[in-house]
N, C-alpha and C. Protein backbone atom coordinates (compact mmCIF):
# COMPACT_ATOMS: atom_id res chain seq x y z
N MET A 1 -34.77 132.85 162.10
CA MET A 1 -35.27 134.08 162.64
C MET A 1 -36.77 134.22 162.41
N LEU A 2 -37.25 134.02 161.19
CA LEU A 2 -38.68 134.08 160.91
C LEU A 2 -39.26 132.68 161.09
N SER A 3 -40.31 132.58 161.86
CA SER A 3 -40.93 131.28 162.10
C SER A 3 -42.34 131.27 161.53
N ARG A 4 -42.98 130.13 161.58
CA ARG A 4 -44.36 130.02 161.10
C ARG A 4 -45.28 131.00 161.83
N GLU A 5 -44.99 131.27 163.11
CA GLU A 5 -45.82 132.17 163.89
C GLU A 5 -45.72 133.61 163.38
N THR A 6 -44.71 133.90 162.57
CA THR A 6 -44.50 135.24 162.04
C THR A 6 -45.48 135.56 160.93
N PHE A 7 -46.01 134.54 160.25
CA PHE A 7 -46.87 134.72 159.09
C PHE A 7 -48.33 134.54 159.45
N HIS A 8 -49.17 135.43 158.94
CA HIS A 8 -50.62 135.36 159.14
C HIS A 8 -51.28 135.41 157.78
N TYR A 9 -52.11 134.43 157.47
CA TYR A 9 -52.74 134.35 156.15
C TYR A 9 -54.18 134.81 156.23
N THR A 10 -54.54 135.74 155.35
CA THR A 10 -55.92 136.22 155.27
C THR A 10 -56.30 136.27 153.81
N GLY A 11 -56.96 135.24 153.33
CA GLY A 11 -57.35 135.20 151.92
C GLY A 11 -56.13 135.15 151.02
N GLN A 12 -56.05 136.06 150.06
CA GLN A 12 -54.94 136.08 149.11
C GLN A 12 -53.70 136.77 149.69
N SER A 13 -53.88 137.64 150.68
CA SER A 13 -52.74 138.36 151.22
C SER A 13 -52.09 137.58 152.36
N LYS A 14 -50.84 137.87 152.59
CA LYS A 14 -50.08 137.24 153.66
C LYS A 14 -49.41 138.35 154.46
N LYS A 15 -49.62 138.34 155.77
CA LYS A 15 -49.02 139.36 156.61
C LYS A 15 -47.80 138.79 157.31
N VAL A 16 -46.70 139.50 157.24
CA VAL A 16 -45.47 139.12 157.91
C VAL A 16 -45.23 140.15 159.00
N VAL A 17 -45.15 139.70 160.24
CA VAL A 17 -44.84 140.60 161.34
C VAL A 17 -43.36 140.46 161.64
N LEU A 18 -42.62 141.54 161.46
CA LEU A 18 -41.18 141.48 161.69
C LEU A 18 -40.92 141.39 163.20
N PRO A 19 -40.24 140.32 163.63
CA PRO A 19 -40.02 140.12 165.05
C PRO A 19 -38.93 141.01 165.63
N HIS A 20 -38.20 141.70 164.77
CA HIS A 20 -37.10 142.57 165.20
C HIS A 20 -37.14 143.84 164.38
N SER A 21 -36.23 144.73 164.65
CA SER A 21 -36.15 145.97 163.88
C SER A 21 -35.76 145.65 162.43
N LYS A 22 -36.06 146.58 161.54
CA LYS A 22 -35.72 146.37 160.13
C LYS A 22 -34.21 146.25 159.94
N SER A 23 -33.43 146.92 160.78
CA SER A 23 -31.98 146.81 160.64
C SER A 23 -31.49 145.40 160.99
N LEU A 24 -32.09 144.77 162.00
CA LEU A 24 -31.72 143.40 162.34
C LEU A 24 -32.20 142.42 161.27
N VAL A 25 -33.38 142.66 160.72
CA VAL A 25 -33.88 141.81 159.63
C VAL A 25 -32.96 141.93 158.42
N ALA A 26 -32.53 143.16 158.10
CA ALA A 26 -31.61 143.38 156.99
C ALA A 26 -30.30 142.62 157.22
N ALA A 27 -29.79 142.68 158.43
CA ALA A 27 -28.54 141.98 158.75
C ALA A 27 -28.72 140.47 158.57
N GLU A 28 -29.86 139.94 159.00
CA GLU A 28 -30.14 138.51 158.84
C GLU A 28 -30.19 138.13 157.35
N LEU A 29 -30.68 139.05 156.53
CA LEU A 29 -30.75 138.82 155.08
C LEU A 29 -29.44 139.17 154.37
N ARG A 30 -28.45 139.59 155.15
CA ARG A 30 -27.13 139.94 154.64
C ARG A 30 -27.19 141.09 153.63
N MET A 31 -27.93 142.13 154.04
CA MET A 31 -28.00 143.33 153.23
C MET A 31 -28.01 144.53 154.17
N THR A 32 -27.76 145.69 153.63
CA THR A 32 -27.77 146.89 154.45
C THR A 32 -29.22 147.30 154.72
N PRO A 33 -29.46 148.01 155.82
CA PRO A 33 -30.81 148.50 156.08
C PRO A 33 -31.33 149.39 154.94
N GLU A 34 -30.42 150.14 154.31
CA GLU A 34 -30.82 151.00 153.19
C GLU A 34 -31.34 150.18 152.01
N ASN A 35 -30.68 149.06 151.71
CA ASN A 35 -31.15 148.21 150.61
C ASN A 35 -32.49 147.57 150.93
N LEU A 36 -32.69 147.15 152.17
CA LEU A 36 -33.98 146.60 152.56
C LEU A 36 -35.07 147.66 152.39
N SER A 37 -34.78 148.88 152.81
CA SER A 37 -35.74 149.98 152.64
C SER A 37 -36.05 150.24 151.18
N ARG A 38 -35.03 150.21 150.34
CA ARG A 38 -35.24 150.43 148.90
C ARG A 38 -36.14 149.35 148.31
N ILE A 39 -35.91 148.11 148.70
CA ILE A 39 -36.73 147.01 148.17
C ILE A 39 -38.17 147.14 148.65
N ILE A 40 -38.36 147.47 149.92
CA ILE A 40 -39.71 147.65 150.45
C ILE A 40 -40.41 148.81 149.72
N THR A 41 -39.70 149.91 149.54
CA THR A 41 -40.26 151.08 148.85
C THR A 41 -40.60 150.75 147.41
N ARG A 42 -39.73 150.01 146.75
CA ARG A 42 -39.93 149.65 145.35
C ARG A 42 -41.22 148.86 145.14
N PHE A 43 -41.57 148.00 146.09
CA PHE A 43 -42.73 147.13 145.94
C PHE A 43 -43.95 147.61 146.72
N ARG A 44 -43.83 148.74 147.41
CA ARG A 44 -44.95 149.26 148.20
C ARG A 44 -46.09 149.70 147.27
N GLY A 45 -47.28 149.37 147.67
CA GLY A 45 -48.45 149.78 146.90
C GLY A 45 -49.08 148.61 146.16
N GLU A 46 -48.45 148.19 145.08
CA GLU A 46 -49.02 147.11 144.25
C GLU A 46 -48.77 145.73 144.85
N ILE A 47 -47.59 145.53 145.44
CA ILE A 47 -47.22 144.19 145.92
C ILE A 47 -47.18 144.13 147.45
N LEU A 48 -46.70 145.19 148.09
CA LEU A 48 -46.57 145.21 149.55
C LEU A 48 -47.31 146.39 150.16
N GLU A 49 -47.73 146.19 151.39
CA GLU A 49 -48.28 147.28 152.20
C GLU A 49 -47.56 147.21 153.54
N VAL A 50 -47.04 148.33 154.00
CA VAL A 50 -46.28 148.35 155.25
C VAL A 50 -47.09 149.07 156.32
N ASN A 51 -47.16 148.44 157.49
CA ASN A 51 -47.90 149.02 158.60
C ASN A 51 -47.11 148.75 159.87
N GLY A 52 -46.32 149.70 160.29
CA GLY A 52 -45.48 149.51 161.48
C GLY A 52 -44.49 148.40 161.28
N SER A 53 -44.54 147.38 162.14
CA SER A 53 -43.62 146.25 162.01
C SER A 53 -44.20 145.13 161.15
N GLY A 54 -45.37 145.40 160.56
CA GLY A 54 -45.99 144.38 159.71
C GLY A 54 -45.88 144.73 158.24
N ILE A 55 -45.67 143.70 157.44
CA ILE A 55 -45.66 143.85 155.99
C ILE A 55 -46.72 142.91 155.45
N VAL A 56 -47.67 143.46 154.70
CA VAL A 56 -48.72 142.64 154.10
C VAL A 56 -48.34 142.43 152.64
N ILE A 57 -48.22 141.18 152.25
CA ILE A 57 -47.93 140.84 150.86
C ILE A 57 -49.27 140.80 150.14
N LEU A 58 -49.52 141.81 149.32
CA LEU A 58 -50.79 141.95 148.62
C LEU A 58 -50.88 141.04 147.41
N ASN A 59 -49.77 140.86 146.73
CA ASN A 59 -49.76 140.04 145.52
C ASN A 59 -48.60 139.04 145.62
N TYR A 60 -48.86 137.94 146.30
CA TYR A 60 -47.84 136.94 146.60
C TYR A 60 -47.25 136.34 145.32
N ALA A 61 -48.10 136.01 144.35
CA ALA A 61 -47.63 135.40 143.10
C ALA A 61 -46.68 136.34 142.36
N GLN A 62 -47.01 137.61 142.31
CA GLN A 62 -46.15 138.57 141.62
C GLN A 62 -44.82 138.74 142.36
N LEU A 63 -44.86 138.77 143.69
CA LEU A 63 -43.63 138.89 144.48
C LEU A 63 -42.72 137.70 144.23
N ILE A 64 -43.27 136.50 144.24
CA ILE A 64 -42.48 135.29 144.00
C ILE A 64 -41.88 135.32 142.60
N SER A 65 -42.65 135.76 141.62
CA SER A 65 -42.14 135.79 140.24
C SER A 65 -41.00 136.80 140.08
N LEU A 66 -40.99 137.85 140.91
CA LEU A 66 -39.93 138.85 140.84
C LEU A 66 -38.67 138.49 141.62
N CYS A 67 -38.77 137.53 142.52
CA CYS A 67 -37.65 137.21 143.41
C CYS A 67 -36.37 136.88 142.67
N GLY A 68 -36.44 136.26 141.56
CA GLY A 68 -35.24 135.93 140.79
C GLY A 68 -34.67 137.10 140.01
N HIS A 69 -35.39 138.22 140.01
CA HIS A 69 -34.99 139.38 139.19
C HIS A 69 -34.58 140.58 140.00
N ILE A 70 -34.51 140.47 141.33
CA ILE A 70 -34.19 141.61 142.19
C ILE A 70 -32.69 141.87 142.16
N ARG A 71 -32.36 143.10 141.93
CA ARG A 71 -30.97 143.57 142.03
C ARG A 71 -30.99 144.78 142.95
N ALA A 72 -30.65 144.58 144.21
CA ALA A 72 -30.73 145.67 145.21
C ALA A 72 -29.58 146.63 145.05
């Protein structure tokens, strides 16, 4: 679903443009739309910035380090 064309790199941040609605992305990730929203909200500000259908990863290293610790 997400391809290389979905990601845009600008310096340290990485922008992900969601090619579908958040509910379809959540389904692809095998989670409910509510859980996807909770995760986005949890990391908004310090790690993520949300702008419409785009998500900018502000702190990629911190996001990767947290991936093994997420409990949605």
